[in-house]
C-alpha atoms as a PDB file:
ATOM      1  CA  UNK A   1     -13.079  -9.634  20.550  1.00  0.00           C
ATOM      2  CA  UNK A   2     -10.760  -8.764  23.042  1.00  0.00           C
ATOM      3  CA  UNK A   3     -10.976  -5.855  25.291  1.00  0.00           C
ATOM      4  CA  UNK A   4      -9.384  -2.567  23.951  1.00  0.00           C
ATOM      5  CA  UNK A   5      -6.928  -0.422  26.097  1.00  0.00           C
ATOM      6  CA  UNK A   6      -8.211   3.117  27.472  1.00  0.00           C
ATOM      7  CA  UNK A   7      -6.439   4.798  24.535  1.00  0.00           C
ATOM      8  CA  UNK A   8      -6.182   2.221  21.556  1.00  0.00           C
ATOM      9  CA  UNK A   9      -4.046   2.635  18.732  1.00  0.00           C
ATOM     10  CA  UNK A  10      -4.915   2.713  14.899  1.00  0.00           C
ATOM     11  CA  UNK A  11      -3.681   4.018  11.900  1.00  0.00           C
ATOM     12  CA  UNK A  12      -5.430   6.047   9.123  1.00  0.00           C
ATOM     13  CA  UNK A  13      -4.825   5.928   5.257  1.00  0.00           C
ATOM     14  CA  UNK A  14      -2.635   3.994   2.850  1.00  0.00           C
ATOM     15  CA  UNK A  15      -0.076   1.307   4.181  1.00  0.00           C
ATOM     16  CA  UNK A  16       3.370   1.525   2.094  1.00  0.00           C
ATOM     17  CA  UNK A  17       3.331  -0.505  -1.029  1.00  0.00           C
ATOM     18  CA  UNK A  18       6.365  -2.492  -1.805  1.00  0.00           C
ATOM     19  CA  UNK A  19       8.012  -2.271  -5.323  1.00  0.00           C
ATOM     20  CA  UNK A  20       6.309  -5.625  -6.483  1.00  0.00           C
ATOM     21  CA  UNK A  21       2.999  -4.121  -5.850  1.00  0.00           C
ATOM     22  CA  UNK A  22       3.610  -1.446  -8.346  1.00  0.00           C
ATOM     23  CA  UNK A  23       5.318  -3.584 -10.878  1.00  0.00           C
ATOM     24  CA  UNK A  24       2.279  -5.983 -10.716  1.00  0.00           C
ATOM     25  CA  UNK A  25      -0.295  -3.284 -11.012  1.00  0.00           C
ATOM     26  CA  UNK A  26       1.585  -2.095 -13.845  1.00  0.00           C
ATOM     27  CA  UNK A  27       1.727  -5.291 -15.636  1.00  0.00           C
ATOM     28  CA  UNK A  28      -2.159  -5.790 -15.131  1.00  0.00           C
ATOM     29  CA  UNK A  29      -2.780  -2.356 -16.551  1.00  0.00           C
ATOM     30  CA  UNK A  30      -0.773  -3.349 -19.757  1.00  0.00           C
ATOM     31  CA  UNK A  31      -2.838  -6.670 -19.976  1.00  0.00           C
ATOM     32  CA  UNK A  32       0.075  -9.040 -19.102  1.00  0.00           C
ATOM     33  CA  UNK A  33      -1.761 -10.247 -15.905  1.00  0.00           C
ATOM     34  CA  UNK A  34      -4.968 -11.517 -15.550  1.00  0.00           C
ATOM     35  CA  UNK A  35      -7.909 -10.764 -13.071  1.00  0.00           C
ATOM     36  CA  UNK A  36      -7.028 -13.860 -10.871  1.00  0.00           C
ATOM     37  CA  UNK A  37      -3.429 -12.750 -10.690  1.00  0.00           C
ATOM     38  CA  UNK A  38      -4.399  -9.217  -9.714  1.00  0.00           C
ATOM     39  CA  UNK A  39      -6.722 -10.563  -7.120  1.00  0.00           C
ATOM     40  CA  UNK A  40      -3.871 -12.524  -5.592  1.00  0.00           C
ATOM     41  CA  UNK A  41      -1.493  -9.356  -5.464  1.00  0.00           C
ATOM     42  CA  UNK A  42      -4.034  -7.404  -3.692  1.00  0.00           C
ATOM     43  CA  UNK A  43      -5.013 -10.157  -1.241  1.00  0.00           C
ATOM     44  CA  UNK A  44      -1.218 -10.617  -0.497  1.00  0.00           C
ATOM     45  CA  UNK A  45      -0.774  -6.986  -0.027  1.00  0.00           C
ATOM     46  CA  UNK A  46      -3.637  -6.683   2.266  1.00  0.00           C
ATOM     47  CA  UNK A  47      -2.085  -9.639   4.387  1.00  0.00           C
ATOM     48  CA  UNK A  48       1.096  -7.940   4.583  1.00  0.00           C
ATOM     49  CA  UNK A  49      -0.473  -4.625   5.658  1.00  0.00           C
ATOM     50  CA  UNK A  50      -2.368  -6.396   8.552  1.00  0.00           C
ATOM     51  CA  UNK A  51       0.788  -8.437   9.525  1.00  0.00           C
ATOM     52  CA  UNK A  52       2.982  -5.171   9.990  1.00  0.00           C
ATOM     53  CA  UNK A  53       0.127  -3.680  11.980  1.00  0.00           C
ATOM     54  CA  UNK A  54      -0.029  -6.784  14.096  1.00  0.00           C
ATOM     55  CA  UNK A  55       3.711  -6.945  14.580  1.00  0.00           C
ATOM     56  CA  UNK A  56       3.733  -2.963  15.584  1.00  0.00           C
ATOM     57  CA  UNK A  57       1.063  -3.818  18.253  1.00  0.00           C
ATOM     58  CA  UNK A  58      -1.651  -1.617  16.835  1.00  0.00           C
ATOM     59  CA  UNK A  59      -5.063  -2.521  18.454  1.00  0.00           C
ATOM     60  CA  UNK A  60      -7.489  -1.530  15.667  1.00  0.00           C
ATOM     61  CA  UNK A  61      -5.878  -2.615  12.120  1.00  0.00           C
ATOM     62  CA  UNK A  62      -7.161  -1.830   8.904  1.00  0.00           C
ATOM     63  CA  UNK A  63      -6.483  -3.099   5.360  1.00  0.00           C
ATOM     64  CA  UNK A  64      -4.016  -0.280   4.480  1.00  0.00           C
ATOM     65  CA  UNK A  65      -5.917   0.595   1.355  1.00  0.00           C
ATOM     66  CA  UNK A  66      -4.033  -2.140  -0.293  1.00  0.00           C
ATOM     67  CA  UNK A  67      -6.693  -2.456  -2.739  1.00  0.00           C
ATOM     68  CA  UNK A  68      -6.772   0.942  -4.096  1.00  0.00           C
ATOM     69  CA  UNK A  69      -5.388   1.155  -7.542  1.00  0.00           C
ATOM     70  CA  UNK A  70      -6.343   4.658  -8.535  1.00  0.00           C
ATOM     71  CA  UNK A  71      -3.201   6.358  -7.275  1.00  0.00           C
ATOM     72  CA  UNK A  72      -5.386   8.544  -4.796  1.00  0.00           C
ATOM     73  CA  UNK A  73      -2.420  10.391  -3.462  1.00  0.00           C
ATOM     74  CA  UNK A  74      -0.639  11.141  -6.883  1.00  0.00           C
ATOM     75  CA  UNK A  75      -3.255  13.822  -7.492  1.00  0.00           C
ATOM     76  CA  UNK A  76      -1.645  15.963  -4.642  1.00  0.00           C
ATOM     77  CA  UNK A  77       1.583  16.339  -6.635  1.00  0.00           C
ATOM     78  CA  UNK A  78      -0.049  18.590  -9.163  1.00  0.00           C
ATOM     79  CA  UNK A  79      -1.789  20.912  -6.524  1.00  0.00           C
ATOM     80  CA  UNK A  80       0.778  21.353  -3.675  1.00  0.00           C
ATOM     81  CA  UNK A  81       3.657  23.488  -4.212  1.00  0.00           C
ATOM     82  CA  UNK A  82       7.043  21.911  -3.249  1.00  0.00           C
ATOM     83  CA  UNK A  83       5.585  18.530  -2.914  1.00  0.00           C
ATOM     84  CA  UNK A  84       7.368  16.092  -5.658  1.00  0.00           C
ATOM     85  CA  UNK A  85       7.320  12.381  -6.282  1.00  0.00           C
ATOM     86  CA  UNK A  86      10.406  10.539  -5.460  1.00  0.00           C
ATOM     87  CA  UNK A  87      11.955   8.631  -8.647  1.00  0.00           C
ATOM     88  CA  UNK A  88      11.606   5.142  -8.789  1.00  0.00           C
ATOM     89  CA  UNK A  89      14.951   3.301  -8.209  1.00  0.00           C
ATOM     90  CA  UNK A  90      16.302   4.651  -5.017  1.00  0.00           C
ATOM     91  CA  UNK A  91      19.690   3.388  -4.293  1.00  0.00           C
ATOM     92  CA  UNK A  92      19.676  -0.506  -4.038  1.00  0.00           C
ATOM     93  CA  UNK A  93      16.165  -0.810  -5.564  1.00  0.00           C
ATOM     94  CA  UNK A  94      14.931  -1.453  -9.167  1.00  0.00           C
ATOM     95  CA  UNK A  95      11.091  -1.076  -8.317  1.00  0.00           C
ATOM     96  CA  UNK A  96       9.326   1.257  -6.035  1.00  0.00           C
ATOM     97  CA  UNK A  97      10.978   3.747  -3.681  1.00  0.00           C
END
């Protein structure tokens, strides 16, 4: 392990999920993907989250909660006034935001 700086950087919480992550998770939920397909998806998502943090120079990296499928944040849309989910299909996108 390398020595950390006096004030190391890290992140907290979920890494942004790409559109393909959402599409593939939905395919698995509908039974169109098997357990090995899902494991590959989750491993790839963790690898990307780690790579993004390494490229940004983050000192203490995390997995970005990329294996979390339960939509933890989604529950906040119903309890916080003024908070709304963005619709999928932002300009130039068919999947994700």
